[in-house]
Amino acid sequence: MPSRQLRGLIGALTLAASASAMAGPNWTAGTLVDMSAVPEGLLIRVDTSRPDNCAGTPFAWMLIPAERKIIIAATMMFWATGKRAVDVYTEPSGSSGAFCLVSQVDTHDA
């Protein structure tokens, strides 16, 4: 029979593992695995499913529009420092084209 501390650790690890594979209507949690700079802004991808409002987005890319400079800078800093476990919040593409738009990126690395 595992100790109380071991059961707590197992529970915490299970919760962390399940959180890394979650997605919702306008967000996803996962690992930042790719980025690409285009004239419209910064494209990013995570290793989990994309948010519901990103259905139809080519190759799971999500666009951080060029005018959202703070989000681009923070995302590039996360990438450069290895803090790649992220929550990405999105909105539909609207008139921007094929990619859904990123409205917020949060890191949850220590």
PDB file of N, CA and C in Angstrom:
ATOM      1  N   MET A   1       0.850  -1.185   0.000  1.00  0.00           N
ATOM      2  CA  MET A   1       0.000   0.000   0.000  1.00  0.00           C
ATOM      3  C   MET A   1       0.893   1.246   0.000  1.00  0.00           C
ATOM      4  N   PRO A   2       0.744   2.116  -1.001  1.00  0.00           N
ATOM      5  CA  PRO A   2       1.602   3.293  -1.079  1.00  0.00           C
ATOM      6  C   PRO A   2       1.352   4.262   0.074  1.00  0.00           C
ATOM      7  N   SER A   3       2.392   4.977   0.405  1.00  0.00           N
ATOM      8  CA  SER A   3       2.256   5.974   1.458  1.00  0.00           C
ATOM      9  C   SER A   3       1.393   7.133   0.962  1.00  0.00           C
ATOM     10  N   ARG A   4       0.944   7.935   1.889  1.00  0.00           N
ATOM     11  CA  ARG A   4       0.130   9.100   1.557  1.00  0.00           C
ATOM     12  C   ARG A   4       0.902  10.044   0.634  1.00  0.00           C
ATOM     13  N   GLN A   5       2.199  10.245   0.901  1.00  0.00           N
ATOM     14  CA  GLN A   5       3.010  11.129   0.066  1.00  0.00           C
ATOM     15  C   GLN A   5       3.137  10.583  -1.354  1.00  0.00           C
ATOM     16  N   LEU A   6       3.342   9.266  -1.483  1.00  0.00           N
ATOM     17  CA  LEU A   6       3.461   8.656  -2.797  1.00  0.00           C
ATOM     18  C   LEU A   6       2.144   8.751  -3.557  1.00  0.00           C
ATOM     19  N   ARG A   7       1.016   8.529  -2.870  1.00  0.00           N
ATOM     20  CA  ARG A   7      -0.289   8.656  -3.526  1.00  0.00           C
ATOM     21  C   ARG A   7      -0.509  10.095  -3.991  1.00  0.00           C
ATOM     22  N   GLY A   8      -0.081  11.061  -3.179  1.00  0.00           N
ATOM     23  CA  GLY A   8      -0.207  12.470  -3.568  1.00  0.00           C
ATOM     24  C   GLY A   8       0.637  12.794  -4.786  1.00  0.00           C
ATOM     25  N   LEU A   9       1.856  12.267  -4.830  1.00  0.00           N
ATOM     26  CA  LEU A   9       2.740  12.486  -5.978  1.00  0.00           C
ATOM     27  C   LEU A   9       2.150  11.861  -7.232  1.00  0.00           C
ATOM     28  N   ILE A  10       1.640  10.647  -7.111  1.00  0.00           N
ATOM     29  CA  ILE A  10       1.018   9.978  -8.265  1.00  0.00           C
ATOM     30  C   ILE A  10      -0.189  10.779  -8.746  1.00  0.00           C
ATOM     31  N   GLY A  11      -0.986  11.273  -7.832  1.00  0.00           N
ATOM     32  CA  GLY A  11      -2.150  12.084  -8.208  1.00  0.00           C
ATOM     33  C   GLY A  11      -1.739  13.370  -8.916  1.00  0.00           C
ATOM     34  N   ALA A  12      -0.704  14.027  -8.403  1.00  0.00           N
ATOM     35  CA  ALA A  12      -0.233  15.262  -9.027  1.00  0.00           C
ATOM     36  C   ALA A  12       0.314  15.009 -10.422  1.00  0.00           C
ATOM     37  N   LEU A  13       1.080  13.926 -10.584  1.00  0.00           N
ATOM     38  CA  LEU A  13       1.621  13.596 -11.909  1.00  0.00           C
ATOM     39  C   LEU A  13       0.509  13.244 -12.885  1.00  0.00           C
ATOM     40  N   THR A  14      -0.509  12.544 -12.428  1.00  0.00           N
ATOM     41  CA  THR A  14      -1.641  12.204 -13.290  1.00  0.00           C
ATOM     42  C   THR A  14      -2.364  13.460 -13.731  1.00  0.00           C
ATOM     43  N   LEU A  15      -2.585  14.384 -12.812  1.00  0.00           N
ATOM     44  CA  LEU A  15      -3.242  15.640 -13.142  1.00  0.00           C
ATOM     45  C   LEU A  15      -2.409  16.437 -14.136  1.00  0.00           C
ATOM     46  N   ALA A  16      -1.109  16.513 -13.931  1.00  0.00           N
ATOM     47  CA  ALA A  16      -0.228  17.256 -14.847  1.00  0.00           C
ATOM     48  C   ALA A  16      -0.244  16.633 -16.231  1.00  0.00           C
ATOM     49  N   ALA A  17      -0.221  15.320 -16.298  1.00  0.00           N
ATOM     50  CA  ALA A  17      -0.233  14.641 -17.596  1.00  0.00           C
ATOM     51  C   ALA A  17      -1.547  14.883 -18.319  1.00  0.00           C
ATOM     52  N   SER A  18      -2.652  14.863 -17.605  1.00  0.00           N
ATOM     53  CA  SER A  18      -3.936  15.080 -18.264  1.00  0.00           C
ATOM     54  C   SER A  18      -4.092  16.531 -18.689  1.00  0.00           C
ATOM     55  N   ALA A  19      -3.532  17.471 -17.955  1.00  0.00           N
ATOM     56  CA  ALA A  19      -3.625  18.885 -18.316  1.00  0.00           C
ATOM     57  C   ALA A  19      -2.855  19.179 -19.586  1.00  0.00           C
ATOM     58  N   SER A  20      -1.788  18.429 -19.859  1.00  0.00           N
ATOM     59  CA  SER A  20      -0.989  18.722 -21.032  1.00  0.00           C
ATOM     60  C   SER A  20      -1.651  18.267 -22.322  1.00  0.00           C
ATOM     61  N   ALA A  21      -2.766  17.581 -22.242  1.00  0.00           N
ATOM     62  CA  ALA A  21      -3.429  17.098 -23.445  1.00  0.00           C
ATOM     63  C   ALA A  21      -4.852  17.599 -23.538  1.00  0.00           C
ATOM     64  N   MET A  22      -5.120  18.757 -22.985  1.00  0.00           N
ATOM     65  CA  MET A  22      -6.473  19.280 -22.957  1.00  0.00           C
ATOM     66  C   MET A  22      -6.650  20.371 -23.996  1.00  0.00           C
ATOM     67  N   ALA A  23      -7.859  20.482 -24.503  1.00  0.00           N
ATOM     68  CA  ALA A  23      -8.211  21.564 -25.414  1.00  0.00           C
ATOM     69  C   ALA A  23      -9.671  21.907 -25.188  1.00  0.00           C
ATOM     70  N   GLY A  24     -10.038  23.119 -25.528  1.00  0.00           N
ATOM     71  CA  GLY A  24     -11.410  23.562 -25.377  1.00  0.00           C
ATOM     72  C   GLY A  24     -11.832  24.387 -26.577  1.00  0.00           C
ATOM     73  N   PRO A  25     -12.953  25.074 -26.452  1.00  0.00           N
ATOM     74  CA  PRO A  25     -13.454  25.846 -27.579  1.00  0.00           C
ATOM     75  C   PRO A  25     -12.497  26.932 -28.062  1.00  0.00           C
ATOM     76  N   ASN A  26     -11.755  27.543 -27.139  1.00  0.00           N
ATOM     77  CA  ASN A  26     -10.864  28.628 -27.548  1.00  0.00           C
ATOM     78  C   ASN A  26      -9.496  28.562 -26.878  1.00  0.00           C
ATOM     79  N   TRP A  27      -9.052  27.386 -26.503  1.00  0.00           N
ATOM     80  CA  TRP A  27      -7.729  27.249 -25.890  1.00  0.00           C
ATOM     81  C   TRP A  27      -7.231  25.822 -26.043  1.00  0.00           C
ATOM     82  N   THR A  28      -5.914  25.683 -25.876  1.00  0.00           N
ATOM     83  CA  THR A  28      -5.292  24.368 -25.816  1.00  0.00           C
ATOM     84  C   THR A  28      -4.091  24.449 -24.894  1.00  0.00           C
ATOM     85  N   ALA A  29      -3.770  23.341 -24.269  1.00  0.00           N
ATOM     86  CA  ALA A  29      -2.579  23.243 -23.424  1.00  0.00           C
ATOM     87  C   ALA A  29      -1.678  22.191 -24.032  1.00  0.00           C
ATOM     88  N   GLY A  30      -0.406  22.487 -24.168  1.00  0.00           N
ATOM     89  CA  GLY A  30       0.524  21.528 -24.738  1.00  0.00           C
ATOM     90  C   GLY A  30       1.936  22.077 -24.761  1.00  0.00           C
ATOM     91  N   THR A  31       2.758  21.444 -25.563  1.00  0.00           N
ATOM     92  CA  THR A  31       4.152  21.843 -25.690  1.00  0.00           C
ATOM     93  C   THR A  31       4.345  22.575 -27.011  1.00  0.00           C
ATOM     94  N   LEU A  32       4.932  23.748 -26.944  1.00  0.00           N
ATOM     95  CA  LEU A  32       5.255  24.517 -28.144  1.00  0.00           C
ATOM     96  C   LEU A  32       6.309  23.747 -28.929  1.00  0.00           C
ATOM     97  N   VAL A  33       5.970  23.330 -30.152  1.00  0.00           N
ATOM     98  CA  VAL A  33       6.873  22.473 -30.918  1.00  0.00           C
ATOM     99  C   VAL A  33       7.404  23.108 -32.199  1.00  0.00           C
ATOM    100  N   ASP A  34       6.811  24.191 -32.650  1.00  0.00           N
ATOM    101  CA  ASP A  34       7.244  24.774 -33.909  1.00  0.00           C
ATOM    102  C   ASP A  34       6.797  26.221 -33.984  1.00  0.00           C
ATOM    103  N   MET A  35       7.575  27.023 -34.689  1.00  0.00           N
ATOM    104  CA  MET A  35       7.169  28.396 -34.983  1.00  0.00           C
ATOM    105  C   MET A  35       7.755  28.805 -36.319  1.00  0.00           C
ATOM    106  N   SER A  36       7.089  29.756 -36.957  1.00  0.00           N
ATOM    107  CA  SER A  36       7.522  30.244 -38.254  1.00  0.00           C
ATOM    108  C   SER A  36       7.130  31.710 -38.382  1.00  0.00           C
ATOM    109  N   ALA A  37       8.040  32.522 -38.862  1.00  0.00           N
ATOM    110  CA  ALA A  37       7.774  33.942 -39.055  1.00  0.00           C
ATOM    111  C   ALA A  37       7.274  34.164 -40.481  1.00  0.00           C
ATOM    112  N   VAL A  38       6.157  34.855 -40.607  1.00  0.00           N
ATOM    113  CA  VAL A  38       5.564  35.201 -41.900  1.00  0.00           C
ATOM    114  C   VAL A  38       5.225  36.689 -41.869  1.00  0.00           C
ATOM    115  N   PRO A  39       4.979  37.317 -43.019  1.00  0.00           N
ATOM    116  CA  PRO A  39       4.684  38.757 -43.015  1.00  0.00           C
ATOM    117  C   PRO A  39       3.509  39.141 -42.110  1.00  0.00           C
ATOM    118  N   GLU A  40       2.540  38.236 -41.951  1.00  0.00           N
ATOM    119  CA  GLU A  40       1.359  38.539 -41.128  1.00  0.00           C
ATOM    120  C   GLU A  40       1.628  38.442 -39.635  1.00  0.00           C
ATOM    121  N   GLY A  41       2.723  37.800 -39.231  1.00  0.00           N
ATOM    122  CA  GLY A  41       3.032  37.655 -37.815  1.00  0.00           C
ATOM    123  C   GLY A  41       3.822  36.388 -37.549  1.00  0.00           C
ATOM    124  N   LEU A  42       3.623  35.811 -36.373  1.00  0.00           N
ATOM    125  CA  LEU A  42       4.342  34.607 -35.964  1.00  0.00           C
ATOM    126  C   LEU A  42       3.359  33.438 -35.913  1.00  0.00           C
ATOM    127  N   LEU A  43       3.678  32.360 -36.630  1.00  0.00           N
ATOM    128  CA  LEU A  43       2.882  31.141 -36.596  1.00  0.00           C
ATOM    129  C   LEU A  43       3.470  30.211 -35.547  1.00  0.00           C
ATOM    130  N   ILE A  44       2.603  29.601 -34.730  1.00  0.00           N
ATOM    131  CA  ILE A  44       3.058  28.639 -33.720  1.00  0.00           C
ATOM    132  C   ILE A  44       2.224  27.374 -33.815  1.00  0.00           C
ATOM    133  N   ARG A  45       2.808  26.261 -33.329  1.00  0.00           N
ATOM    134  CA  ARG A  45       2.091  24.992 -33.216  1.00  0.00           C
ATOM    135  C   ARG A  45       2.422  24.365 -31.876  1.00  0.00           C
ATOM    136  N   VAL A  46       1.462  23.644 -31.320  1.00  0.00           N
ATOM    137  CA  VAL A  46       1.679  22.862 -30.112  1.00  0.00           C
ATOM    138  C   VAL A  46       1.457  21.393 -30.448  1.00  0.00           C
ATOM    139  N   ASP A  47       1.903  20.516 -29.557  1.00  0.00           N
ATOM    140  CA  ASP A  47       1.859  19.080 -29.827  1.00  0.00           C
ATOM    141  C   ASP A  47       0.519  18.425 -29.541  1.00  0.00           C
ATOM    142  N   THR A  48      -0.470  19.191 -29.109  1.00  0.00           N
ATOM    143  CA  THR A  48      -1.781  18.629 -28.793  1.00  0.00           C
ATOM    144  C   THR A  48      -2.799  19.099 -29.821  1.00  0.00           C
ATOM    145  N   SER A  49      -4.026  18.706 -29.630  1.00  0.00           N
ATOM    146  CA  SER A  49      -5.061  19.128 -30.567  1.00  0.00           C
ATOM    147  C   SER A  49      -5.279  20.629 -30.478  1.00  0.00           C
ATOM    148  N   ARG A  50      -5.731  21.187 -31.571  1.00  0.00           N
ATOM    149  CA  ARG A  50      -5.955  22.640 -31.600  1.00  0.00           C
ATOM    150  C   ARG A  50      -7.327  22.968 -31.012  1.00  0.00           C
ATOM    151  N   PRO A  51      -7.518  24.215 -30.607  1.00  0.00           N
ATOM    152  CA  PRO A  51      -8.820  24.617 -30.068  1.00  0.00           C
ATOM    153  C   PRO A  51      -9.929  24.430 -31.113  1.00  0.00           C
ATOM    154  N   ASP A  52     -11.157  24.285 -30.625  1.00  0.00           N
ATOM    155  CA  ASP A  52     -12.298  24.093 -31.525  1.00  0.00           C
ATOM    156  C   ASP A  52     -12.431  25.221 -32.542  1.00  0.00           C
ATOM    157  N   ASN A  53     -12.156  26.466 -32.124  1.00  0.00           N
ATOM    158  CA  ASN A  53     -12.326  27.580 -33.056  1.00  0.00           C
ATOM    159  C   ASN A  53     -11.184  27.679 -34.073  1.00  0.00           C
ATOM    160  N   CYS A  54     -10.282  26.701 -34.057  1.00  0.00           N
ATOM    161  CA  CYS A  54      -9.203  26.639 -35.043  1.00  0.00           C
ATOM    162  C   CYS A  54      -9.426  25.501 -36.042  1.00  0.00           C
ATOM    163  N   ALA A  55     -10.611  24.917 -36.046  1.00  0.00           N
ATOM    164  CA  ALA A  55     -10.889  23.828 -36.988  1.00  0.00           C
ATOM    165  C   ALA A  55     -10.641  24.327 -38.405  1.00  0.00           C
ATOM    166  N   GLY A  56      -9.957  23.536 -39.191  1.00  0.00           N
ATOM    167  CA  GLY A  56      -9.661  23.907 -40.569  1.00  0.00           C
ATOM    168  C   GLY A  56      -8.365  24.680 -40.732  1.00  0.00           C
ATOM    169  N   THR A  57      -7.698  24.991 -39.628  1.00  0.00           N
ATOM    170  CA  THR A  57      -6.420  25.695 -39.708  1.00  0.00           C
ATOM    171  C   THR A  57      -5.386  24.763 -40.334  1.00  0.00           C
ATOM    172  N   PRO A  58      -4.693  25.206 -41.384  1.00  0.00           N
ATOM    173  CA  PRO A  58      -3.734  24.322 -42.056  1.00  0.00           C
ATOM    174  C   PRO A  58      -2.610  23.847 -41.134  1.00  0.00           C
ATOM    175  N   PHE A  59      -2.410  22.541 -41.070  1.00  0.00           N
ATOM    176  CA  PHE A  59      -1.306  21.915 -40.344  1.00  0.00           C
ATOM    177  C   PHE A  59      -1.227  22.338 -38.887  1.00  0.00           C
ATOM    178  N   ALA A  60      -2.344  22.735 -38.296  1.00  0.00           N
ATOM    179  CA  ALA A  60      -2.461  23.116 -36.876  1.00  0.00           C
ATOM    180  C   ALA A  60      -1.711  24.404 -36.525  1.00  0.00           C
ATOM    181  N   TRP A  61      -1.358  25.214 -37.499  1.00  0.00           N
ATOM    182  CA  TRP A  61      -0.704  26.495 -37.220  1.00  0.00           C
ATOM    183  C   TRP A  61      -1.709  27.486 -36.652  1.00  0.00           C
ATOM    184  N   MET A  62      -1.255  28.292 -35.699  1.00  0.00           N
ATOM    185  CA  MET A  62      -2.044  29.379 -35.123  1.00  0.00           C
ATOM    186  C   MET A  62      -1.225  30.654 -35.285  1.00  0.00           C
ATOM    187  N   LEU A  63      -1.879  31.742 -35.673  1.00  0.00           N
ATOM    188  CA  LEU A  63      -1.191  32.997 -35.996  1.00  0.00           C
ATOM    189  C   LEU A  63      -1.254  33.988 -34.846  1.00  0.00           C
ATOM    190  N   ILE A  64      -0.087  34.496 -34.458  1.00  0.00           N
ATOM    191  CA  ILE A  64      -0.025  35.668 -33.577  1.00  0.00           C
ATOM    192  C   ILE A  64       0.177  36.850 -34.517  1.00  0.00           C
ATOM    193  N   PRO A  65      -0.854  37.698 -34.707  1.00  0.00           N
ATOM    194  CA  PRO A  65      -0.738  38.803 -35.658  1.00  0.00           C
ATOM    195  C   PRO A  65       0.416  39.742 -35.312  1.00  0.00           C
ATOM    196  N   ALA A  66       1.033  40.309 -36.337  1.00  0.00           N
ATOM    197  CA  ALA A  66       2.205  41.175 -36.173  1.00  0.00           C
ATOM    198  C   ALA A  66       1.947  42.323 -35.205  1.00  0.00           C
ATOM    199  N   GLU A  67       0.717  42.822 -35.172  1.00  0.00           N
ATOM    200  CA  GLU A  67       0.444  43.951 -34.274  1.00  0.00           C
ATOM    201  C   GLU A  67       0.387  43.558 -32.801  1.00  0.00           C
ATOM    202  N   ARG A  68       0.396  42.278 -32.499  1.00  0.00           N
ATOM    203  CA  ARG A  68       0.405  41.803 -31.104  1.00  0.00           C
ATOM    204  C   ARG A  68       1.852  41.514 -30.682  1.00  0.00           C
ATOM    205  N   LYS A  69       2.645  42.568 -30.706  1.00  0.00           N
ATOM    206  CA  LYS A  69       4.094  42.471 -30.496  1.00  0.00           C
ATOM    207  C   LYS A  69       4.477  41.880 -29.135  1.00  0.00           C
ATOM    208  N   ILE A  70       3.736  42.221 -28.099  1.00  0.00           N
ATOM    209  CA  ILE A  70       4.050  41.712 -26.759  1.00  0.00           C
ATOM    210  C   ILE A  70       3.889  40.198 -26.715  1.00  0.00           C
ATOM    211  N   ILE A  71       2.817  39.686 -27.326  1.00  0.00           N
ATOM    212  CA  ILE A  71       2.593  38.236 -27.335  1.00  0.00           C
ATOM    213  C   ILE A  71       3.679  37.544 -28.151  1.00  0.00           C
ATOM    214  N   ILE A  72       4.052  38.123 -29.274  1.00  0.00           N
ATOM    215  CA  ILE A  72       5.138  37.555 -30.089  1.00  0.00           C
ATOM    216  C   ILE A  72       6.431  37.527 -29.291  1.00  0.00           C
ATOM    217  N   ALA A  73       6.762  38.649 -28.638  1.00  0.00           N
ATOM    218  CA  ALA A  73       8.012  38.725 -27.872  1.00  0.00           C
ATOM    219  C   ALA A  73       8.021  37.699 -26.733  1.00  0.00           C
ATOM    220  N   ALA A  74       6.914  37.581 -26.008  1.00  0.00           N
ATOM    221  CA  ALA A  74       6.857  36.633 -24.902  1.00  0.00           C
ATOM    222  C   ALA A  74       6.968  35.196 -25.412  1.00  0.00           C
ATOM    223  N   THR A  75       6.287  34.886 -26.508  1.00  0.00           N
ATOM    224  CA  THR A  75       6.339  33.534 -27.069  1.00  0.00           C
ATOM    225  C   THR A  75       7.751  33.188 -27.528  1.00  0.00           C
ATOM    226  N   MET A  76       8.424  34.124 -28.168  1.00  0.00           N
ATOM    227  CA  MET A  76       9.799  33.881 -28.601  1.00  0.00           C
ATOM    228  C   MET A  76      10.730  33.729 -27.401  1.00  0.00           C
ATOM    229  N   MET A  77      10.466  34.472 -26.320  1.00  0.00           N
ATOM    230  CA  MET A  77      11.261  34.328 -25.106  1.00  0.00           C
ATOM    231  C   MET A  77      11.033  32.940 -24.491  1.00  0.00           C
ATOM    232  N   PHE A  78       9.765  32.489 -24.441  1.00  0.00           N
ATOM    233  CA  PHE A  78       9.479  31.151 -23.928  1.00  0.00           C
ATOM    234  C   PHE A  78      10.264  30.117 -24.729  1.00  0.00           C
ATOM    235  N   TRP A  79      10.230  30.247 -26.049  1.00  0.00           N
ATOM    236  CA  TRP A  79      10.919  29.302 -26.942  1.00  0.00           C
ATOM    237  C   TRP A  79      12.427  29.326 -26.673  1.00  0.00           C
ATOM    238  N   ALA A  80      13.008  30.517 -26.616  1.00  0.00           N
ATOM    239  CA  ALA A  80      14.460  30.656 -26.454  1.00  0.00           C
ATOM    240  C   ALA A  80      14.954  30.155 -25.103  1.00  0.00           C
ATOM    241  N   THR A  81      14.125  30.281 -24.077  1.00  0.00           N
ATOM    242  CA  THR A  81      14.538  29.851 -22.738  1.00  0.00           C
ATOM    243  C   THR A  81      14.111  28.428 -22.413  1.00  0.00           C
ATOM    244  N   GLY A  82      13.475  27.762 -23.376  1.00  0.00           N
ATOM    245  CA  GLY A  82      13.082  26.375 -23.168  1.00  0.00           C
ATOM    246  C   GLY A  82      11.798  26.190 -22.393  1.00  0.00           C
ATOM    247  N   LYS A  83      11.061  27.259 -22.146  1.00  0.00           N
ATOM    248  CA  LYS A  83       9.786  27.167 -21.417  1.00  0.00           C
ATOM    249  C   LYS A  83       8.690  26.909 -22.438  1.00  0.00           C
ATOM    250  N   ARG A  84       8.534  25.641 -22.815  1.00  0.00           N
ATOM    251  CA  ARG A  84       7.669  25.325 -23.954  1.00  0.00           C
ATOM    252  C   ARG A  84       6.318  24.740 -23.574  1.00  0.00           C
ATOM    253  N   ALA A  85       6.079  24.447 -22.293  1.00  0.00           N
ATOM    254  CA  ALA A  85       4.753  24.003 -21.865  1.00  0.00           C
ATOM    255  C   ALA A  85       3.872  25.244 -21.779  1.00  0.00           C
ATOM    256  N   VAL A  86       2.866  25.327 -22.655  1.00  0.00           N
ATOM    257  CA  VAL A  86       2.075  26.553 -22.766  1.00  0.00           C
ATOM    258  C   VAL A  86       0.581  26.274 -22.816  1.00  0.00           C
ATOM    259  N   ASP A  87      -0.177  27.289 -22.468  1.00  0.00           N
ATOM    260  CA  ASP A  87      -1.607  27.356 -22.728  1.00  0.00           C
ATOM    261  C   ASP A  87      -1.759  28.437 -23.792  1.00  0.00           C
ATOM    262  N   VAL A  88      -2.471  28.119 -24.874  1.00  0.00           N
ATOM    263  CA  VAL A  88      -2.668  29.059 -25.974  1.00  0.00           C
ATOM    264  C   VAL A  88      -4.157  29.342 -26.096  1.00  0.00           C
ATOM    265  N   TYR A  89      -4.526  30.623 -26.039  1.00  0.00           N
ATOM    266  CA  TYR A  89      -5.916  31.045 -26.172  1.00  0.00           C
ATOM    267  C   TYR A  89      -6.093  31.668 -27.548  1.00  0.00           C
ATOM    268  N   THR A  90      -7.204  31.338 -28.213  1.00  0.00           N
ATOM    269  CA  THR A  90      -7.379  31.753 -29.603  1.00  0.00           C
ATOM    270  C   THR A  90      -8.752  32.356 -29.854  1.00  0.00           C
ATOM    271  N   GLU A  91      -8.849  32.970 -31.014  1.00  0.00           N
ATOM    272  CA  GLU A  91     -10.126  33.475 -31.527  1.00  0.00           C
ATOM    273  C   GLU A  91     -10.203  33.081 -32.995  1.00  0.00           C
ATOM    274  N   PRO A  92     -11.397  32.991 -33.558  1.00  0.00           N
ATOM    275  CA  PRO A  92     -11.508  32.601 -34.964  1.00  0.00           C
ATOM    276  C   PRO A  92     -10.756  33.567 -35.876  1.00  0.00           C
ATOM    277  N   SER A  93     -10.440  33.106 -37.064  1.00  0.00           N
ATOM    278  CA  SER A  93      -9.631  33.896 -37.984  1.00  0.00           C
ATOM    279  C   SER A  93     -10.314  35.157 -38.464  1.00  0.00           C
ATOM    280  N   GLY A  94     -11.617  35.168 -38.588  1.00  0.00           N
ATOM    281  CA  GLY A  94     -12.304  36.347 -39.099  1.00  0.00           C
ATOM    282  C   GLY A  94     -11.823  36.661 -40.502  1.00  0.00           C
ATOM    283  N   SER A  95     -11.376  37.874 -40.731  1.00  0.00           N
ATOM    284  CA  SER A  95     -10.932  38.282 -42.068  1.00  0.00           C
ATOM    285  C   SER A  95      -9.439  38.053 -42.285  1.00  0.00           C
ATOM    286  N   SER A  96      -8.760  37.454 -41.307  1.00  0.00           N
ATOM    287  CA  SER A  96      -7.306  37.320 -41.400  1.00  0.00           C
ATOM    288  C   SER A  96      -6.862  36.188 -42.315  1.00  0.00           C
ATOM    289  N   GLY A  97      -7.772  35.352 -42.741  1.00  0.00           N
ATOM    290  CA  GLY A  97      -7.377  34.248 -43.606  1.00  0.00           C
ATOM    291  C   GLY A  97      -7.590  32.910 -42.946  1.00  0.00           C
ATOM    292  N   ALA A  98      -6.732  31.970 -43.258  1.00  0.00           N
ATOM    293  CA  ALA A  98      -6.920  30.577 -42.877  1.00  0.00           C
ATOM    294  C   ALA A  98      -6.577  30.276 -41.423  1.00  0.00           C
ATOM    295  N   PHE A  99      -5.748  31.061 -40.787  1.00  0.00           N
ATOM    296  CA  PHE A  99      -5.246  30.727 -39.457  1.00  0.00           C
ATOM    297  C   PHE A  99      -6.092  31.371 -38.365  1.00  0.00           C
ATOM    298  N   CYS A 100      -6.347  30.611 -37.280  1.00  0.00           N
ATOM    299  CA  CYS A 100      -6.994  31.237 -36.137  1.00  0.00           C
ATOM    300  C   CYS A 100      -5.974  32.154 -35.462  1.00  0.00           C
ATOM    301  N   LEU A 101      -6.460  33.112 -34.713  1.00  0.00           N
ATOM    302  CA  LEU A 101      -5.600  34.136 -34.116  1.00  0.00           C
ATOM    303  C   LEU A 101      -5.332  33.834 -32.654  1.00  0.00           C
ATOM    304  N   VAL A 102      -4.089  33.977 -32.254  1.00  0.00           N
ATOM    305  CA  VAL A 102      -3.702  33.777 -30.854  1.00  0.00           C
ATOM    306  C   VAL A 102      -3.934  35.084 -30.108  1.00  0.00           C
ATOM    307  N   SER A 103      -4.665  34.995 -28.991  1.00  0.00           N
ATOM    308  CA  SER A 103      -4.931  36.180 -28.188  1.00  0.00           C
ATOM    309  C   SER A 103      -4.138  36.187 -26.879  1.00  0.00           C
ATOM    310  N   GLN A 104      -3.579  35.010 -26.485  1.00  0.00           N
ATOM    311  CA  GLN A 104      -2.804  34.935 -25.245  1.00  0.00           C
ATOM    312  C   GLN A 104      -1.990  33.655 -25.247  1.00  0.00           C
ATOM    313  N   VAL A 105      -0.757  33.736 -24.718  1.00  0.00           N
ATOM    314  CA  VAL A 105       0.089  32.559 -24.522  1.00  0.00           C
ATOM    315  C   VAL A 105       0.619  32.621 -23.107  1.00  0.00           C
ATOM    316  N   ASP A 106       0.355  31.551 -22.334  1.00  0.00           N
ATOM    317  CA  ASP A 106       0.841  31.456 -20.957  1.00  0.00           C
ATOM    318  C   ASP A 106       1.782  30.277 -20.858  1.00  0.00           C
ATOM    319  N   THR A 107       2.896  30.449 -20.164  1.00  0.00           N
ATOM    320  CA  THR A 107       3.775  29.324 -19.889  1.00  0.00           C
ATOM    321  C   THR A 107       3.443  28.776 -18.514  1.00  0.00           C
ATOM    322  N   HIS A 108       3.586  27.480 -18.338  1.00  0.00           N
ATOM    323  CA  HIS A 108       3.402  26.920 -17.003  1.00  0.00           C
ATOM    324  C   HIS A 108       4.605  26.068 -16.620  1.00  0.00           C
ATOM    325  N   ASP A 109       5.774  26.427 -17.161  1.00  0.00           N
ATOM    326  CA  ASP A 109       7.030  25.817 -16.728  1.00  0.00           C
ATOM    327  C   ASP A 109       7.510  26.558 -15.494  1.00  0.00           C
ATOM    328  N   ALA A 110       8.235  25.853 -14.662  1.00  0.00           N
ATOM    329  CA  ALA A 110       8.788  26.481 -13.453  1.00  0.00           C
ATOM    330  C   ALA A 110      10.020  27.289 -13.795  1.00  0.00           C
TER     331      ALA A 110
END
